[in-house]
Amino acid sequence: MLFQEMERRKQILIVDDNIFNIEVLKNFIEVNFNNRFNLEIALSGQNAVTKASEMFFDYILMDINMPLMSGFEASRIITNS
């Protein structure tokens, strides 16, 4: 087994309230990074905070302009947890 195959797949949380943006980013990551990432989706800042409290993410790609809870506010809550 190759060393690369033994590495843990990184976890990415994609946070955006626009389904089109999510699909574009998801497809870009899947095509260009050869399944090296597990992708999780959150459709709101509140949902992102919940998911981040339930599991570890190596990367969080956050839209900053969302209704109810902005990406800035969600990021602040996640980083201070």
PDB file of N, CA and C in Angstrom:
ATOM      1  N   MET A   1       0.844  -1.176   0.000  1.00  0.00           N
ATOM      2  CA  MET A   1       0.000   0.000   0.000  1.00  0.00           C
ATOM      3  C   MET A   1       0.892   1.242   0.000  1.00  0.00           C
ATOM      4  N   LEU A   2       0.591   2.166  -0.861  1.00  0.00           N
ATOM      5  CA  LEU A   2       1.348   3.403  -0.953  1.00  0.00           C
ATOM      6  C   LEU A   2       1.088   4.296   0.248  1.00  0.00           C
ATOM      7  N   PHE A   3       2.084   5.120   0.592  1.00  0.00           N
ATOM      8  CA  PHE A   3       1.952   6.045   1.710  1.00  0.00           C
ATOM      9  C   PHE A   3       0.742   6.963   1.518  1.00  0.00           C
ATOM     10  N   GLN A   4       0.535   7.437   0.296  1.00  0.00           N
ATOM     11  CA  GLN A   4      -0.581   8.343   0.019  1.00  0.00           C
ATOM     12  C   GLN A   4      -1.920   7.674   0.288  1.00  0.00           C
ATOM     13  N   GLU A   5      -2.009   6.384   0.042  1.00  0.00           N
ATOM     14  CA  GLU A   5      -3.260   5.674   0.275  1.00  0.00           C
ATOM     15  C   GLU A   5      -3.522   5.501   1.762  1.00  0.00           C
ATOM     16  N   MET A   6      -2.459   5.465   2.565  1.00  0.00           N
ATOM     17  CA  MET A   6      -2.596   5.275   3.995  1.00  0.00           C
ATOM     18  C   MET A   6      -3.000   6.564   4.706  1.00  0.00           C
ATOM     19  N   GLU A   7      -2.765   7.703   4.084  1.00  0.00           N
ATOM     20  CA  GLU A   7      -3.104   8.977   4.709  1.00  0.00           C
ATOM     21  C   GLU A   7      -4.613   9.094   4.896  1.00  0.00           C
ATOM     22  N   ARG A   8      -4.981   9.736   5.988  1.00  0.00           N
ATOM     23  CA  ARG A   8      -6.391   9.993   6.261  1.00  0.00           C
ATOM     24  C   ARG A   8      -6.908  11.032   5.271  1.00  0.00           C
ATOM     25  N   ARG A   9      -8.089  10.793   4.735  1.00  0.00           N
ATOM     26  CA  ARG A   9      -8.692  11.781   3.843  1.00  0.00           C
ATOM     27  C   ARG A   9      -9.103  12.994   4.661  1.00  0.00           C
ATOM     28  N   LYS A  10      -8.752  14.161   4.183  1.00  0.00           N
ATOM     29  CA  LYS A  10      -9.068  15.410   4.877  1.00  0.00           C
ATOM     30  C   LYS A  10     -10.570  15.685   4.805  1.00  0.00           C
ATOM     31  N   GLN A  11     -11.077  16.298   5.846  1.00  0.00           N
ATOM     32  CA  GLN A  11     -12.495  16.644   5.931  1.00  0.00           C
ATOM     33  C   GLN A  11     -12.674  18.123   5.572  1.00  0.00           C
ATOM     34  N   ILE A  12     -13.568  18.406   4.633  1.00  0.00           N
ATOM     35  CA  ILE A  12     -13.865  19.786   4.250  1.00  0.00           C
ATOM     36  C   ILE A  12     -15.350  20.044   4.463  1.00  0.00           C
ATOM     37  N   LEU A  13     -15.646  21.155   5.123  1.00  0.00           N
ATOM     38  CA  LEU A  13     -17.019  21.611   5.265  1.00  0.00           C
ATOM     39  C   LEU A  13     -17.210  22.790   4.325  1.00  0.00           C
ATOM     40  N   ILE A  14     -18.158  22.654   3.407  1.00  0.00           N
ATOM     41  CA  ILE A  14     -18.509  23.741   2.487  1.00  0.00           C
ATOM     42  C   ILE A  14     -19.784  24.386   3.021  1.00  0.00           C
ATOM     43  N   VAL A  15     -19.719  25.701   3.278  1.00  0.00           N
ATOM     44  CA  VAL A  15     -20.869  26.414   3.842  1.00  0.00           C
ATOM     45  C   VAL A  15     -21.292  27.504   2.869  1.00  0.00           C
ATOM     46  N   ASP A  16     -22.501  27.360   2.341  1.00  0.00           N
ATOM     47  CA  ASP A  16     -23.038  28.368   1.420  1.00  0.00           C
ATOM     48  C   ASP A  16     -24.544  28.176   1.343  1.00  0.00           C
ATOM     49  N   ASP A  17     -25.279  29.262   1.207  1.00  0.00           N
ATOM     50  CA  ASP A  17     -26.729  29.169   1.082  1.00  0.00           C
ATOM     51  C   ASP A  17     -27.168  29.082  -0.380  1.00  0.00           C
ATOM     52  N   ASN A  18     -26.216  29.069  -1.302  1.00  0.00           N
ATOM     53  CA  ASN A  18     -26.520  29.002  -2.732  1.00  0.00           C
ATOM     54  C   ASN A  18     -26.107  27.629  -3.269  1.00  0.00           C
ATOM     55  N   ILE A  19     -27.087  26.834  -3.654  1.00  0.00           N
ATOM     56  CA  ILE A  19     -26.838  25.462  -4.115  1.00  0.00           C
ATOM     57  C   ILE A  19     -25.918  25.432  -5.338  1.00  0.00           C
ATOM     58  N   PHE A  20     -26.078  26.397  -6.242  1.00  0.00           N
ATOM     59  CA  PHE A  20     -25.226  26.442  -7.429  1.00  0.00           C
ATOM     60  C   PHE A  20     -23.749  26.582  -7.033  1.00  0.00           C
ATOM     61  N   ASN A  21     -23.465  27.503  -6.110  1.00  0.00           N
ATOM     62  CA  ASN A  21     -22.083  27.701  -5.650  1.00  0.00           C
ATOM     63  C   ASN A  21     -21.525  26.424  -5.021  1.00  0.00           C
ATOM     64  N   ILE A  22     -22.350  25.757  -4.249  1.00  0.00           N
ATOM     65  CA  ILE A  22     -21.916  24.509  -3.613  1.00  0.00           C
ATOM     66  C   ILE A  22     -21.556  23.469  -4.665  1.00  0.00           C
ATOM     67  N   GLU A  23     -22.399  23.313  -5.657  1.00  0.00           N
ATOM     68  CA  GLU A  23     -22.145  22.311  -6.704  1.00  0.00           C
ATOM     69  C   GLU A  23     -20.875  22.630  -7.492  1.00  0.00           C
ATOM     70  N   VAL A  24     -20.665  23.907  -7.807  1.00  0.00           N
ATOM     71  CA  VAL A  24     -19.463  24.296  -8.547  1.00  0.00           C
ATOM     72  C   VAL A  24     -18.219  23.968  -7.729  1.00  0.00           C
ATOM     73  N   LEU A  25     -18.209  24.357  -6.476  1.00  0.00           N
ATOM     74  CA  LEU A  25     -17.049  24.107  -5.614  1.00  0.00           C
ATOM     75  C   LEU A  25     -16.841  22.608  -5.378  1.00  0.00           C
ATOM     76  N   LYS A  26     -17.923  21.904  -5.137  1.00  0.00           N
ATOM     77  CA  LYS A  26     -17.859  20.446  -4.930  1.00  0.00           C
ATOM     78  C   LYS A  26     -17.273  19.749  -6.160  1.00  0.00           C
ATOM     79  N   ASN A  27     -17.756  20.095  -7.331  1.00  0.00           N
ATOM     80  CA  ASN A  27     -17.244  19.491  -8.567  1.00  0.00           C
ATOM     81  C   ASN A  27     -15.785  19.848  -8.792  1.00  0.00           C
ATOM     82  N   PHE A  28     -15.408  21.091  -8.527  1.00  0.00           N
ATOM     83  CA  PHE A  28     -14.017  21.508  -8.679  1.00  0.00           C
ATOM     84  C   PHE A  28     -13.099  20.673  -7.787  1.00  0.00           C
ATOM     85  N   ILE A  29     -13.478  20.510  -6.542  1.00  0.00           N
ATOM     86  CA  ILE A  29     -12.655  19.740  -5.600  1.00  0.00           C
ATOM     87  C   ILE A  29     -12.584  18.281  -6.019  1.00  0.00           C
ATOM     88  N   GLU A  30     -13.698  17.696  -6.383  1.00  0.00           N
ATOM     89  CA  GLU A  30     -13.719  16.274  -6.769  1.00  0.00           C
ATOM     90  C   GLU A  30     -12.893  16.016  -8.023  1.00  0.00           C
ATOM     91  N   VAL A  31     -12.976  16.884  -9.011  1.00  0.00           N
ATOM     92  CA  VAL A  31     -12.258  16.692 -10.272  1.00  0.00           C
ATOM     93  C   VAL A  31     -10.757  16.945 -10.120  1.00  0.00           C
ATOM     94  N   ASN A  32     -10.389  17.969  -9.368  1.00  0.00           N
ATOM     95  CA  ASN A  32      -8.994  18.381  -9.300  1.00  0.00           C
ATOM     96  C   ASN A  32      -8.173  17.753  -8.181  1.00  0.00           C
ATOM     97  N   PHE A  33      -8.819  17.124  -7.226  1.00  0.00           N
ATOM     98  CA  PHE A  33      -8.062  16.609  -6.093  1.00  0.00           C
ATOM     99  C   PHE A  33      -8.232  15.107  -5.876  1.00  0.00           C
ATOM    100  N   ASN A  34      -8.649  14.393  -6.902  1.00  0.00           N
ATOM    101  CA  ASN A  34      -8.634  12.923  -6.903  1.00  0.00           C
ATOM    102  C   ASN A  34      -9.181  12.259  -5.647  1.00  0.00           C
ATOM    103  N   ASN A  35     -10.330  12.691  -5.179  1.00  0.00           N
ATOM    104  CA  ASN A  35     -10.964  12.065  -4.009  1.00  0.00           C
ATOM    105  C   ASN A  35     -10.092  12.064  -2.764  1.00  0.00           C
ATOM    106  N   ARG A  36      -9.278  13.076  -2.577  1.00  0.00           N
ATOM    107  CA  ARG A  36      -8.453  13.152  -1.371  1.00  0.00           C
ATOM    108  C   ARG A  36      -9.196  13.797  -0.202  1.00  0.00           C
ATOM    109  N   PHE A  37     -10.437  14.225  -0.446  1.00  0.00           N
ATOM    110  CA  PHE A  37     -11.199  14.912   0.592  1.00  0.00           C
ATOM    111  C   PHE A  37     -12.578  14.296   0.758  1.00  0.00           C
ATOM    112  N   ASN A  38     -13.054  14.283   2.002  1.00  0.00           N
ATOM    113  CA  ASN A  38     -14.449  13.986   2.293  1.00  0.00           C
ATOM    114  C   ASN A  38     -15.148  15.330   2.408  1.00  0.00           C
ATOM    115  N   LEU A  39     -16.217  15.504   1.671  1.00  0.00           N
ATOM    116  CA  LEU A  39     -16.920  16.785   1.661  1.00  0.00           C
ATOM    117  C   LEU A  39     -18.213  16.691   2.451  1.00  0.00           C
ATOM    118  N   GLU A  40     -18.449  17.706   3.249  1.00  0.00           N
ATOM    119  CA  GLU A  40     -19.690  17.833   4.006  1.00  0.00           C
ATOM    120  C   GLU A  40     -20.259  19.196   3.634  1.00  0.00           C
ATOM    121  N   ILE A  41     -21.582  19.306   3.586  1.00  0.00           N
ATOM    122  CA  ILE A  41     -22.241  20.536   3.150  1.00  0.00           C
ATOM    123  C   ILE A  41     -23.087  21.106   4.289  1.00  0.00           C
ATOM    124  N   ALA A  42     -23.041  22.427   4.448  1.00  0.00           N
ATOM    125  CA  ALA A  42     -23.936  23.143   5.358  1.00  0.00           C
ATOM    126  C   ALA A  42     -24.566  24.285   4.569  1.00  0.00           C
ATOM    127  N   LEU A  43     -25.867  24.439   4.701  1.00  0.00           N
ATOM    128  CA  LEU A  43     -26.589  25.448   3.923  1.00  0.00           C
ATOM    129  C   LEU A  43     -26.798  26.763   4.670  1.00  0.00           C
ATOM    130  N   SER A  44     -26.294  26.851   5.894  1.00  0.00           N
ATOM    131  CA  SER A  44     -26.435  28.085   6.666  1.00  0.00           C
ATOM    132  C   SER A  44     -25.322  28.173   7.704  1.00  0.00           C
ATOM    133  N   GLY A  45     -25.150  29.371   8.251  1.00  0.00           N
ATOM    134  CA  GLY A  45     -24.171  29.553   9.308  1.00  0.00           C
ATOM    135  C   GLY A  45     -24.502  28.724  10.531  1.00  0.00           C
ATOM    136  N   GLN A  46     -25.803  28.678  10.887  1.00  0.00           N
ATOM    137  CA  GLN A  46     -26.227  27.892  12.043  1.00  0.00           C
ATOM    138  C   GLN A  46     -25.911  26.417  11.839  1.00  0.00           C
ATOM    139  N   ASN A  47     -26.181  25.924  10.641  1.00  0.00           N
ATOM    140  CA  ASN A  47     -25.908  24.527  10.317  1.00  0.00           C
ATOM    141  C   ASN A  47     -24.408  24.238  10.373  1.00  0.00           C
ATOM    142  N   ALA A  48     -23.592  25.184   9.944  1.00  0.00           N
ATOM    143  CA  ALA A  48     -22.138  25.032   9.993  1.00  0.00           C
ATOM    144  C   ALA A  48     -21.650  24.937  11.432  1.00  0.00           C
ATOM    145  N   VAL A  49     -22.191  25.778  12.306  1.00  0.00           N
ATOM    146  CA  VAL A  49     -21.805  25.750  13.722  1.00  0.00           C
ATOM    147  C   VAL A  49     -22.149  24.398  14.325  1.00  0.00           C
ATOM    148  N   THR A  50     -23.331  23.895  14.023  1.00  0.00           N
ATOM    149  CA  THR A  50     -23.751  22.584  14.532  1.00  0.00           C
ATOM    150  C   THR A  50     -22.832  21.483  14.032  1.00  0.00           C
ATOM    151  N   LYS A  51     -22.579  21.447  12.729  1.00  0.00           N
ATOM    152  CA  LYS A  51     -21.724  20.397  12.159  1.00  0.00           C
ATOM    153  C   LYS A  51     -20.299  20.471  12.712  1.00  0.00           C
ATOM    154  N   ALA A  52     -19.781  21.694  12.873  1.00  0.00           N
ATOM    155  CA  ALA A  52     -18.419  21.851  13.384  1.00  0.00           C
ATOM    156  C   ALA A  52     -18.315  21.418  14.846  1.00  0.00           C
ATOM    157  N   SER A  53     -19.421  21.478  15.576  1.00  0.00           N
ATOM    158  CA  SER A  53     -19.394  21.028  16.970  1.00  0.00           C
ATOM    159  C   SER A  53     -19.502  19.509  17.064  1.00  0.00           C
ATOM    160  N   GLU A  54     -19.999  18.886  15.998  1.00  0.00           N
ATOM    161  CA  GLU A  54     -20.197  17.435  16.000  1.00  0.00           C
ATOM    162  C   GLU A  54     -19.027  16.659  15.429  1.00  0.00           C
ATOM    163  N   MET A  55     -18.232  17.283  14.561  1.00  0.00           N
ATOM    164  CA  MET A  55     -17.090  16.579  13.983  1.00  0.00           C
ATOM    165  C   MET A  55     -15.966  17.546  13.636  1.00  0.00           C
ATOM    166  N   PHE A  56     -14.774  16.992  13.465  1.00  0.00           N
ATOM    167  CA  PHE A  56     -13.597  17.799  13.148  1.00  0.00           C
ATOM    168  C   PHE A  56     -13.498  18.009  11.642  1.00  0.00           C
ATOM    169  N   PHE A  57     -13.190  19.235  11.244  1.00  0.00           N
ATOM    170  CA  PHE A  57     -12.944  19.554   9.839  1.00  0.00           C
ATOM    171  C   PHE A  57     -11.542  20.118   9.698  1.00  0.00           C
ATOM    172  N   ASP A  58     -10.816  19.630   8.684  1.00  0.00           N
ATOM    173  CA  ASP A  58      -9.496  20.170   8.397  1.00  0.00           C
ATOM    174  C   ASP A  58      -9.608  21.548   7.764  1.00  0.00           C
ATOM    175  N   TYR A  59     -10.643  21.726   6.945  1.00  0.00           N
ATOM    176  CA  TYR A  59     -10.859  22.989   6.251  1.00  0.00           C
ATOM    177  C   TYR A  59     -12.347  23.314   6.268  1.00  0.00           C
ATOM    178  N   ILE A  60     -12.657  24.594   6.419  1.00  0.00           N
ATOM    179  CA  ILE A  60     -14.039  25.065   6.293  1.00  0.00           C
ATOM    180  C   ILE A  60     -14.032  26.193   5.272  1.00  0.00           C
ATOM    181  N   LEU A  61     -14.772  25.991   4.190  1.00  0.00           N
ATOM    182  CA  LEU A  61     -14.897  27.004   3.138  1.00  0.00           C
ATOM    183  C   LEU A  61     -16.249  27.686   3.349  1.00  0.00           C
ATOM    184  N   MET A  62     -16.205  28.949   3.793  1.00  0.00           N
ATOM    185  CA  MET A  62     -17.398  29.625   4.296  1.00  0.00           C
ATOM    186  C   MET A  62     -17.775  30.835   3.458  1.00  0.00           C
ATOM    187  N   ASP A  63     -19.034  30.857   3.030  1.00  0.00           N
ATOM    188  CA  ASP A  63     -19.605  32.057   2.421  1.00  0.00           C
ATOM    189  C   ASP A  63     -19.771  33.084   3.546  1.00  0.00           C
ATOM    190  N   ILE A  64     -19.440  34.331   3.299  1.00  0.00           N
ATOM    191  CA  ILE A  64     -19.555  35.316   4.377  1.00  0.00           C
ATOM    192  C   ILE A  64     -20.898  36.034   4.388  1.00  0.00           C
ATOM    193  N   ASN A  65     -21.608  36.008   3.263  1.00  0.00           N
ATOM    194  CA  ASN A  65     -22.849  36.765   3.148  1.00  0.00           C
ATOM    195  C   ASN A  65     -24.045  35.815   3.112  1.00  0.00           C
ATOM    196  N   MET A  66     -24.515  35.418   4.307  1.00  0.00           N
ATOM    197  CA  MET A  66     -25.674  34.525   4.410  1.00  0.00           C
ATOM    198  C   MET A  66     -26.692  35.159   5.348  1.00  0.00           C
ATOM    199  N   PRO A  67     -27.967  34.875   5.140  1.00  0.00           N
ATOM    200  CA  PRO A  67     -28.990  35.446   6.026  1.00  0.00           C
ATOM    201  C   PRO A  67     -28.946  34.789   7.418  1.00  0.00           C
ATOM    202  N   LEU A  68     -29.492  35.476   8.382  1.00  0.00           N
ATOM    203  CA  LEU A  68     -29.617  35.036   9.783  1.00  0.00           C
ATOM    204  C   LEU A  68     -28.289  34.985  10.531  1.00  0.00           C
ATOM    205  N   MET A  69     -27.314  34.252  10.020  1.00  0.00           N
ATOM    206  CA  MET A  69     -25.993  34.213  10.644  1.00  0.00           C
ATOM    207  C   MET A  69     -24.949  34.294   9.542  1.00  0.00           C
ATOM    208  N   SER A  70     -24.189  35.376   9.544  1.00  0.00           N
ATOM    209  CA  SER A  70     -23.177  35.567   8.503  1.00  0.00           C
ATOM    210  C   SER A  70     -22.039  34.567   8.682  1.00  0.00           C
ATOM    211  N   GLY A  71     -21.248  34.423   7.643  1.00  0.00           N
ATOM    212  CA  GLY A  71     -20.072  33.568   7.721  1.00  0.00           C
ATOM    213  C   GLY A  71     -19.075  34.063   8.741  1.00  0.00           C
ATOM    214  N   PHE A  72     -19.009  35.390   8.923  1.00  0.00           N
ATOM    215  CA  PHE A  72     -18.113  35.959   9.935  1.00  0.00           C
ATOM    216  C   PHE A  72     -18.534  35.504  11.332  1.00  0.00           C
ATOM    217  N   GLU A  73     -19.836  35.616  11.610  1.00  0.00           N
ATOM    218  CA  GLU A  73     -20.336  35.232  12.931  1.00  0.00           C
ATOM    219  C   GLU A  73     -20.167  33.727  13.161  1.00  0.00           C
ATOM    220  N   ALA A  74     -20.505  32.926  12.158  1.00  0.00           N
ATOM    221  CA  ALA A  74     -20.346  31.473  12.282  1.00  0.00           C
ATOM    222  C   ALA A  74     -18.881  31.102  12.498  1.00  0.00           C
ATOM    223  N   SER A  75     -17.990  31.751  11.774  1.00  0.00           N
ATOM    224  CA  SER A  75     -16.552  31.481  11.924  1.00  0.00           C
ATOM    225  C   SER A  75     -16.069  31.835  13.331  1.00  0.00           C
ATOM    226  N   ARG A  76     -16.550  32.953  13.849  1.00  0.00           N
ATOM    227  CA  ARG A  76     -16.160  33.377  15.206  1.00  0.00           C
ATOM    228  C   ARG A  76     -16.623  32.348  16.227  1.00  0.00           C
ATOM    229  N   ILE A  77     -17.855  31.880  16.100  1.00  0.00           N
ATOM    230  CA  ILE A  77     -18.391  30.890  17.045  1.00  0.00           C
ATOM    231  C   ILE A  77     -17.603  29.585  16.935  1.00  0.00           C
ATOM    232  N   ILE A  78     -17.340  29.137  15.714  1.00  0.00           N
ATOM    233  CA  ILE A  78     -16.608  27.879  15.513  1.00  0.00           C
ATOM    234  C   ILE A  78     -15.197  27.978  16.086  1.00  0.00           C
ATOM    235  N   THR A  79     -14.527  29.096  15.851  1.00  0.00           N
ATOM    236  CA  THR A  79     -13.126  29.216  16.316  1.00  0.00           C
ATOM    237  C   THR A  79     -13.053  29.357  17.832  1.00  0.00           C
ATOM    238  N   ASN A  80     -14.067  29.903  18.446  1.00  0.00           N
ATOM    239  CA  ASN A  80     -14.048  30.066  19.902  1.00  0.00           C
ATOM    240  C   ASN A  80     -14.607  28.871  20.650  1.00  0.00           C
ATOM    241  N   SER A  81     -15.025  27.853  19.931  1.00  0.00           N
ATOM    242  CA  SER A  81     -15.593  26.656  20.602  1.00  0.00           C
ATOM    243  C   SER A  81     -14.508  25.702  21.019  1.00  0.00           C
TER     244      SER A  81
END
